[in-house]
Structure formats: C-alpha cells, structure tokens
Amino acid sequence: MYPSVKSFCESIIKDFVYIPDERKVILTKISSYVKNQLTDKKSVRLIYICTHNSRRSHLGQVWAAVAARYYNVKNVHIFSGGTEVTAFNSNAINALKRLGFQIEKLSSGNNPLYQVSYSGEEYVNCFSKVYADAGNPAENFGAIMTCTDADEKCPVVTGADIRISTPYQDPKIMDGTAIQDIEYDNRCRQIALECLFVFSQVT
C-alpha cells in the first residue's frame, strides 16, 4: 500500500470512537454480512450504489477495497453502480489524489475509465455505470446504498443477498464554492472512516 494511503488509514482509525452508536449498528450489518460470507467459504461481493455513480458510490468502492486490504480480509470484491450513468466526478477524483492515490485516465469520452491505484499492484477501475451493469455481479452480493435518492428509487435491488442503507450527504452541493474541496475531503474522509470500521469488525 502506498505510504501516504496507509498513513492516512492509520491516522483516522483512532476516530472510530466518534462514529455515532446508531451509525455503528448499521455499519456492523455490513461487517456481519462479510463475516458470514467468509465463514461459508464464499466470495464477498459488495456493490456501492448511488444515483449517478459519480461521487459517493465510487468513494465507497475505493475505500472498501482499501479497507479490506488494510485489515487483510481476503476474497473481497468491490463494485459500484447507479440508477443512471454519468461520469466519475473530477472533484471526487481530486479528493483521492490529495490523499496519495495514483489515478490514471485510461480512456476518453464523456464517461472515461480511471484506474485508481492504492499500491504498486492494487487498484480499482472506476467509471460510471448502472448497478446492473454486466461487469457487476447479478446475484449473491451485498447492496450498499450511499444516497437517499437511490435508496428511495431502489426499494429492492434485484439479486442482492442484503440491502443496507448508509446515506452520505452529497458533496455536489458545494460544487463551485470556496469550500468545494473541503466538502469533498470531508466526505472522502467520512466514507474512508466508515469503510475501515466495517472491515475492522470482520477481523
């Protein structure tokens, strides 16, 4: 793992104590699902879902992958998707870059493919897609709903073993303002903290 990413993880796990108890109850449902899958000798597959698959769901996908690596939880596969297709937002990309992720744009067009690396050999491929995209699992996965809009539009996620709602405030509300980067950094940190908490409970 890149030293900057690892150092960030080490710096925030001490803040688990500040996650509200009611929030921990929800997050522990994800931990329990992961543990149960591993106990049953099954692959763990999680899809982080928000409406546009542009910000929060991608941050969830990236940080869940990092958290699994940080806590050495094996056989975990992380995906993301939305109810609509847009593009991986540049402000969310920049928030990850500021923490030391190496991000390479692999294609052009309105919805480019990005490789988000958190170590010399480990990375997440990110682009906007619907959650039922052919590249995502169609069954036997946990659906993590990261926004209230997608949560309301998808009361049932077809094929999911479990559906867990963990909504985050959309950093988009501060786009174009003086505190835009602060808002994205805060949301990135919150999602990182909660993903790390989830996988800390698995081990």
C-alpha atoms as a PDB file:
ATOM      1  CA  MET A   1       0.000   0.000   0.000  1.00  0.00           C
ATOM      2  CA  TYR A   2       1.295   3.473  -0.817  1.00  0.00           C
ATOM      3  CA  PRO A   3       2.776   5.030   2.358  1.00  0.00           C
ATOM      4  CA  SER A   4       0.529   8.096   2.090  1.00  0.00           C
ATOM      5  CA  VAL A   5      -2.642   5.993   1.868  1.00  0.00           C
ATOM      6  CA  LYS A   6      -1.530   3.682   4.672  1.00  0.00           C
ATOM      7  CA  SER A   7      -0.574   6.641   6.847  1.00  0.00           C
ATOM      8  CA  PHE A   8      -3.997   8.198   6.293  1.00  0.00           C
ATOM      9  CA  CYS A   9      -5.690   4.957   7.340  1.00  0.00           C
ATOM     10  CA  GLU A  10      -3.547   4.759  10.460  1.00  0.00           C
ATOM     11  CA  SER A  11      -4.352   8.356  11.331  1.00  0.00           C
ATOM     12  CA  ILE A  12      -8.133   8.039  11.201  1.00  0.00           C
ATOM     13  CA  ILE A  13      -8.863   4.638  12.729  1.00  0.00           C
ATOM     14  CA  LYS A  14      -8.459   6.221  16.153  1.00  0.00           C
ATOM     15  CA  ASP A  15     -11.633   8.165  15.321  1.00  0.00           C
ATOM     16  CA  PHE A  16     -13.837   5.071  15.317  1.00  0.00           C
ATOM     17  CA  VAL A  17     -14.931   6.241  18.772  1.00  0.00           C
ATOM     18  CA  TYR A  18     -16.583   9.275  17.196  1.00  0.00           C
ATOM     19  CA  ILE A  19     -18.855   7.275  14.907  1.00  0.00           C
ATOM     20  CA  PRO A  20     -22.346   7.543  16.466  1.00  0.00           C
ATOM     21  CA  ASP A  21     -23.640   4.314  18.002  1.00  0.00           C
ATOM     22  CA  GLU A  22     -26.707   4.275  15.764  1.00  0.00           C
ATOM     23  CA  ARG A  23     -24.438   4.527  12.739  1.00  0.00           C
ATOM     24  CA  LYS A  24     -22.239   1.695  14.026  1.00  0.00           C
ATOM     25  CA  VAL A  25     -25.310  -0.531  14.242  1.00  0.00           C
ATOM     26  CA  ILE A  26     -25.887  -0.014  10.501  1.00  0.00           C
ATOM     27  CA  LEU A  27     -22.234  -0.442   9.558  1.00  0.00           C
ATOM     28  CA  THR A  28     -21.964  -3.617  11.607  1.00  0.00           C
ATOM     29  CA  LYS A  29     -24.642  -5.150   9.378  1.00  0.00           C
ATOM     30  CA  ILE A  30     -22.138  -4.915   6.515  1.00  0.00           C
ATOM     31  CA  SER A  31     -19.421  -6.449   8.715  1.00  0.00           C
ATOM     32  CA  SER A  32     -21.720  -9.316   9.650  1.00  0.00           C
ATOM     33  CA  TYR A  33     -22.572  -9.976   6.024  1.00  0.00           C
ATOM     34  CA  VAL A  34     -18.871 -10.073   5.125  1.00  0.00           C
ATOM     35  CA  LYS A  35     -18.074 -12.412   8.019  1.00  0.00           C
ATOM     36  CA  ASN A  36     -20.954 -14.741   7.185  1.00  0.00           C
ATOM     37  CA  GLN A  37     -19.867 -14.991   3.555  1.00  0.00           C
ATOM     38  CA  LEU A  38     -16.312 -15.801   4.561  1.00  0.00           C
ATOM     39  CA  THR A  39     -17.474 -18.325   7.158  1.00  0.00           C
ATOM     40  CA  ASP A  40     -19.491 -20.061   4.437  1.00  0.00           C
ATOM     41  CA  LYS A  41     -16.375 -20.102   2.208  1.00  0.00           C
ATOM     42  CA  LYS A  42     -17.995 -17.718  -0.259  1.00  0.00           C
ATOM     43  CA  SER A  43     -16.586 -14.711  -2.072  1.00  0.00           C
ATOM     44  CA  VAL A  44     -17.589 -11.361  -0.610  1.00  0.00           C
ATOM     45  CA  ARG A  45     -19.118  -9.096  -3.235  1.00  0.00           C
ATOM     46  CA  LEU A  46     -20.337  -5.603  -2.369  1.00  0.00           C
ATOM     47  CA  ILE A  47     -21.850  -3.035  -4.728  1.00  0.00           C
ATOM     48  CA  TYR A  48     -21.862   0.589  -3.537  1.00  0.00           C
ATOM     49  CA  ILE A  49     -24.849   2.310  -5.141  1.00  0.00           C
ATOM     50  CA  CYS A  50     -25.849   5.961  -5.599  1.00  0.00           C
ATOM     51  CA  THR A  51     -27.956   7.666  -8.239  1.00  0.00           C
ATOM     52  CA  HIS A  52     -25.293   8.846 -10.693  1.00  0.00           C
ATOM     53  CA  ASN A  53     -22.360   6.594  -9.725  1.00  0.00           C
ATOM     54  CA  SER A  54     -20.174   9.678  -9.804  1.00  0.00           C
ATOM     55  CA  ARG A  55     -19.110  10.561  -6.268  1.00  0.00           C
ATOM     56  CA  ARG A  56     -20.184   8.712  -3.106  1.00  0.00           C
ATOM     57  CA  SER A  57     -20.513   5.245  -4.607  1.00  0.00           C
ATOM     58  CA  HIS A  58     -17.064   5.493  -6.184  1.00  0.00           C
ATOM     59  CA  LEU A  59     -15.569   6.685  -2.900  1.00  0.00           C
ATOM     60  CA  GLY A  60     -17.267   3.740  -1.202  1.00  0.00           C
ATOM     61  CA  GLN A  61     -15.910   1.327  -3.807  1.00  0.00           C
ATOM     62  CA  VAL A  62     -12.360   2.630  -3.464  1.00  0.00           C
ATOM     63  CA  TRP A  63     -12.302   2.841   0.324  1.00  0.00           C
ATOM     64  CA  ALA A  64     -13.925  -0.555   0.861  1.00  0.00           C
ATOM     65  CA  ALA A  65     -11.200  -2.086  -1.310  1.00  0.00           C
ATOM     66  CA  VAL A  66      -8.527  -0.225   0.665  1.00  0.00           C
ATOM     67  CA  ALA A  67     -10.098  -1.199   3.991  1.00  0.00           C
ATOM     68  CA  ALA A  68     -10.203  -4.889   3.052  1.00  0.00           C
ATOM     69  CA  ARG A  69      -6.529  -4.668   2.104  1.00  0.00           C
ATOM     70  CA  TYR A  70      -5.618  -2.716   5.251  1.00  0.00           C
ATOM     71  CA  TYR A  71      -7.192  -5.370   7.508  1.00  0.00           C
ATOM     72  CA  ASN A  72      -6.009  -8.224   5.285  1.00  0.00           C
ATOM     73  CA  VAL A  73      -9.513  -9.547   4.622  1.00  0.00           C
ATOM     74  CA  LYS A  74      -9.193 -11.861   1.639  1.00  0.00           C
ATOM     75  CA  ASN A  75     -11.597 -12.849  -1.148  1.00  0.00           C
ATOM     76  CA  VAL A  76     -13.374  -9.483  -1.184  1.00  0.00           C
ATOM     77  CA  HIS A  77     -14.553  -7.925  -4.451  1.00  0.00           C
ATOM     78  CA  ILE A  78     -15.927  -4.397  -4.507  1.00  0.00           C
ATOM     79  CA  PHE A  79     -18.075  -2.784  -7.195  1.00  0.00           C
ATOM     80  CA  SER A  80     -20.144   0.368  -7.685  1.00  0.00           C
ATOM     81  CA  GLY A  81     -23.104   1.432  -9.768  1.00  0.00           C
ATOM     82  CA  GLY A  82     -26.021   3.813 -10.029  1.00  0.00           C
ATOM     83  CA  THR A  83     -29.540   4.161 -11.295  1.00  0.00           C
ATOM     84  CA  GLU A  84     -28.208   6.447 -14.073  1.00  0.00           C
ATOM     85  CA  VAL A  85     -24.919   6.742 -15.970  1.00  0.00           C
ATOM     86  CA  THR A  86     -22.895   9.976 -15.790  1.00  0.00           C
ATOM     87  CA  ALA A  87     -19.120  10.012 -15.107  1.00  0.00           C
ATOM     88  CA  PHE A  88     -16.669   9.694 -12.212  1.00  0.00           C
ATOM     89  CA  ASN A  89     -16.636  13.276 -10.925  1.00  0.00           C
ATOM     90  CA  SER A  90     -13.357  15.207 -11.120  1.00  0.00           C
ATOM     91  CA  ASN A  91     -13.789  16.693  -7.641  1.00  0.00           C
ATOM     92  CA  ALA A  92     -14.082  13.215  -6.108  1.00  0.00           C
ATOM     93  CA  ILE A  93     -11.035  12.134  -8.113  1.00  0.00           C
ATOM     94  CA  ASN A  94      -9.052  15.104  -6.824  1.00  0.00           C
ATOM     95  CA  ALA A  95     -10.025  14.324  -3.220  1.00  0.00           C
ATOM     96  CA  LEU A  96      -8.484  10.864  -3.636  1.00  0.00           C
ATOM     97  CA  LYS A  97      -5.399  12.321  -5.311  1.00  0.00           C
ATOM     98  CA  ARG A  98      -4.847  14.640  -2.359  1.00  0.00           C
ATOM     99  CA  LEU A  99      -4.578  11.567  -0.127  1.00  0.00           C
ATOM    100  CA  GLY A 100      -1.928   9.938  -2.281  1.00  0.00           C
ATOM    101  CA  PHE A 101      -3.878   7.691  -4.666  1.00  0.00           C
ATOM    102  CA  GLN A 102      -2.356   7.392  -8.118  1.00  0.00           C
ATOM    103  CA  ILE A 103      -5.111   7.880 -10.687  1.00  0.00           C
ATOM    104  CA  GLU A 104      -4.673   7.239 -14.390  1.00  0.00           C
ATOM    105  CA  LYS A 105      -7.251   8.081 -17.033  1.00  0.00           C
ATOM    106  CA  LEU A 106      -7.412   5.064 -19.344  1.00  0.00           C
ATOM    107  CA  SER A 107      -9.961   6.220 -21.894  1.00  0.00           C
ATOM    108  CA  SER A 108     -11.547   9.383 -23.267  1.00  0.00           C
ATOM    109  CA  GLY A 109     -15.108  10.479 -23.893  1.00  0.00           C
ATOM    110  CA  ASN A 110     -17.906  11.615 -21.615  1.00  0.00           C
ATOM    111  CA  ASN A 111     -17.516   8.683 -19.231  1.00  0.00           C
ATOM    112  CA  PRO A 112     -13.813   7.787 -19.020  1.00  0.00           C
ATOM    113  CA  LEU A 113     -12.349   4.754 -17.298  1.00  0.00           C
ATOM    114  CA  TYR A 114      -9.973   5.573 -14.440  1.00  0.00           C
ATOM    115  CA  GLN A 115      -7.530   3.278 -12.697  1.00  0.00           C
ATOM    116  CA  VAL A 116      -7.326   4.256  -9.023  1.00  0.00           C
ATOM    117  CA  SER A 117      -4.210   2.683  -7.505  1.00  0.00           C
ATOM    118  CA  TYR A 118      -3.620   2.383  -3.777  1.00  0.00           C
ATOM    119  CA  SER A 119      -0.442   0.315  -4.049  1.00  0.00           C
ATOM    120  CA  GLY A 120       2.026  -0.552  -6.761  1.00  0.00           C
ATOM    121  CA  GLU A 121      -0.049  -3.570  -7.783  1.00  0.00           C
ATOM    122  CA  GLU A 122      -3.554  -2.968  -6.411  1.00  0.00           C
ATOM    123  CA  TYR A 123      -6.154  -0.721  -7.938  1.00  0.00           C
ATOM    124  CA  VAL A 124      -9.847  -0.147  -8.565  1.00  0.00           C
ATOM    125  CA  ASN A 125     -11.263   0.511 -12.033  1.00  0.00           C
ATOM    126  CA  CYS A 126     -13.787   3.338 -11.849  1.00  0.00           C
ATOM    127  CA  PHE A 127     -16.309   4.584 -14.386  1.00  0.00           C
ATOM    128  CA  SER A 128     -19.994   5.405 -14.167  1.00  0.00           C
ATOM    129  CA  LYS A 129     -22.408   2.549 -14.798  1.00  0.00           C
ATOM    130  CA  VAL A 130     -25.813   1.299 -13.666  1.00  0.00           C
ATOM    131  CA  TYR A 131     -25.633  -1.141 -10.781  1.00  0.00           C
ATOM    132  CA  ALA A 132     -26.940  -3.919 -13.050  1.00  0.00           C
ATOM    133  CA  ASP A 133     -24.045  -3.418 -15.491  1.00  0.00           C
ATOM    134  CA  ALA A 134     -22.711  -6.637 -16.990  1.00  0.00           C
ATOM    135  CA  GLY A 135     -19.430  -6.153 -15.151  1.00  0.00           C
ATOM    136  CA  ASN A 136     -21.143  -6.183 -11.753  1.00  0.00           C
ATOM    137  CA  PRO A 137     -22.436  -9.311 -10.023  1.00  0.00           C
ATOM    138  CA  ALA A 138     -26.080 -10.111 -10.775  1.00  0.00           C
ATOM    139  CA  GLU A 139     -26.654 -12.178  -7.625  1.00  0.00           C
ATOM    140  CA  ASN A 140     -25.106 -13.101  -4.292  1.00  0.00           C
ATOM    141  CA  PHE A 141     -23.889  -9.618  -3.338  1.00  0.00           C
ATOM    142  CA  GLY A 142     -24.469  -7.006  -0.687  1.00  0.00           C
ATOM    143  CA  ALA A 143     -26.017  -3.722  -1.906  1.00  0.00           C
ATOM    144  CA  ILE A 144     -24.768  -0.664  -0.002  1.00  0.00           C
ATOM    145  CA  MET A 145     -26.974   2.361  -0.689  1.00  0.00           C
ATOM    146  CA  THR A 146     -24.890   5.534  -0.333  1.00  0.00           C
ATOM    147  CA  CYS A 147     -27.545   8.149  -1.120  1.00  0.00           C
ATOM    148  CA  THR A 148     -31.150   8.675  -0.149  1.00  0.00           C
ATOM    149  CA  ASP A 149     -32.304   9.183  -3.744  1.00  0.00           C
ATOM    150  CA  ALA A 150     -31.033   5.785  -4.915  1.00  0.00           C
ATOM    151  CA  ASP A 151     -32.298   4.298  -1.670  1.00  0.00           C
ATOM    152  CA  GLU A 152     -35.801   5.518  -2.473  1.00  0.00           C
ATOM    153  CA  LYS A 153     -35.661   4.604  -6.175  1.00  0.00           C
ATOM    154  CA  CYS A 154     -34.424   1.079  -5.475  1.00  0.00           C
ATOM    155  CA  PRO A 155     -36.503  -0.324  -2.609  1.00  0.00           C
ATOM    156  CA  VAL A 156     -35.483  -3.715  -3.976  1.00  0.00           C
ATOM    157  CA  VAL A 157     -32.083  -4.399  -5.539  1.00  0.00           C
ATOM    158  CA  THR A 158     -32.552  -7.473  -7.706  1.00  0.00           C
ATOM    159  CA  GLY A 159     -30.108 -10.265  -6.912  1.00  0.00           C
ATOM    160  CA  ALA A 160     -28.831  -8.798  -3.663  1.00  0.00           C
ATOM    161  CA  ASP A 161     -28.499 -11.008  -0.582  1.00  0.00           C
ATOM    162  CA  ILE A 162     -28.837  -7.947   1.610  1.00  0.00           C
ATOM    163  CA  ARG A 163     -29.572  -4.266   1.103  1.00  0.00           C
ATOM    164  CA  ILE A 164     -28.108  -1.801   3.606  1.00  0.00           C
ATOM    165  CA  SER A 165     -28.725   1.946   3.571  1.00  0.00           C
ATOM    166  CA  THR A 166     -25.750   4.131   4.577  1.00  0.00           C
ATOM    167  CA  PRO A 167     -26.581   7.539   3.065  1.00  0.00           C
ATOM    168  CA  TYR A 168     -23.974  10.308   2.933  1.00  0.00           C
ATOM    169  CA  GLN A 169     -24.526  13.998   2.212  1.00  0.00           C
ATOM    170  CA  ASP A 170     -23.780  14.739  -1.429  1.00  0.00           C
ATOM    171  CA  PRO A 171     -20.628  16.906  -1.732  1.00  0.00           C
ATOM    172  CA  LYS A 172     -22.058  18.160  -5.029  1.00  0.00           C
ATOM    173  CA  ILE A 173     -23.994  20.771  -3.045  1.00  0.00           C
ATOM    174  CA  MET A 174     -20.735  22.720  -2.646  1.00  0.00           C
ATOM    175  CA  ASP A 175     -19.548  22.477  -6.257  1.00  0.00           C
ATOM    176  CA  GLY A 176     -18.208  25.816  -7.469  1.00  0.00           C
ATOM    177  CA  THR A 177     -17.997  27.335  -3.984  1.00  0.00           C
ATOM    178  CA  ALA A 178     -14.990  28.422  -1.933  1.00  0.00           C
ATOM    179  CA  ILE A 179     -15.323  25.346   0.287  1.00  0.00           C
ATOM    180  CA  GLN A 180     -15.791  22.817  -2.500  1.00  0.00           C
ATOM    181  CA  ASP A 181     -12.527  20.962  -1.847  1.00  0.00           C
ATOM    182  CA  ILE A 182     -13.110  20.955   1.911  1.00  0.00           C
ATOM    183  CA  GLU A 183     -16.523  19.370   1.416  1.00  0.00           C
ATOM    184  CA  TYR A 184     -15.127  16.659  -0.853  1.00  0.00           C
ATOM    185  CA  ASP A 185     -12.262  15.994   1.541  1.00  0.00           C
ATOM    186  CA  ASN A 186     -14.699  15.702   4.443  1.00  0.00           C
ATOM    187  CA  ARG A 187     -16.945  13.266   2.580  1.00  0.00           C
ATOM    188  CA  CYS A 188     -13.963  11.255   1.417  1.00  0.00           C
ATOM    189  CA  ARG A 189     -12.717  11.049   4.996  1.00  0.00           C
ATOM    190  CA  GLN A 190     -16.129  10.056   6.367  1.00  0.00           C
ATOM    191  CA  ILE A 191     -16.535   7.247   3.859  1.00  0.00           C
ATOM    192  CA  ALA A 192     -12.961   6.091   4.477  1.00  0.00           C
ATOM    193  CA  LEU A 193     -13.523   6.045   8.239  1.00  0.00           C
ATOM    194  CA  GLU A 194     -16.720   4.029   7.971  1.00  0.00           C
ATOM    195  CA  CYS A 195     -15.315   1.525   5.460  1.00  0.00           C
ATOM    196  CA  LEU A 196     -12.310   0.981   7.725  1.00  0.00           C
ATOM    197  CA  PHE A 197     -14.650   0.481  10.679  1.00  0.00           C
ATOM    198  CA  VAL A 198     -16.642  -2.123   8.727  1.00  0.00           C
ATOM    199  CA  PHE A 199     -13.584  -4.234   7.961  1.00  0.00           C
ATOM    200  CA  SER A 200     -12.074  -3.741  11.419  1.00  0.00           C
ATOM    201  CA  GLN A 201     -15.131  -5.599  12.737  1.00  0.00           C
ATOM    202  CA  VAL A 202     -14.556  -8.513  10.383  1.00  0.00           C
ATOM    203  CA  THR A 203     -11.190  -9.362  11.926  1.00  0.00           C
END
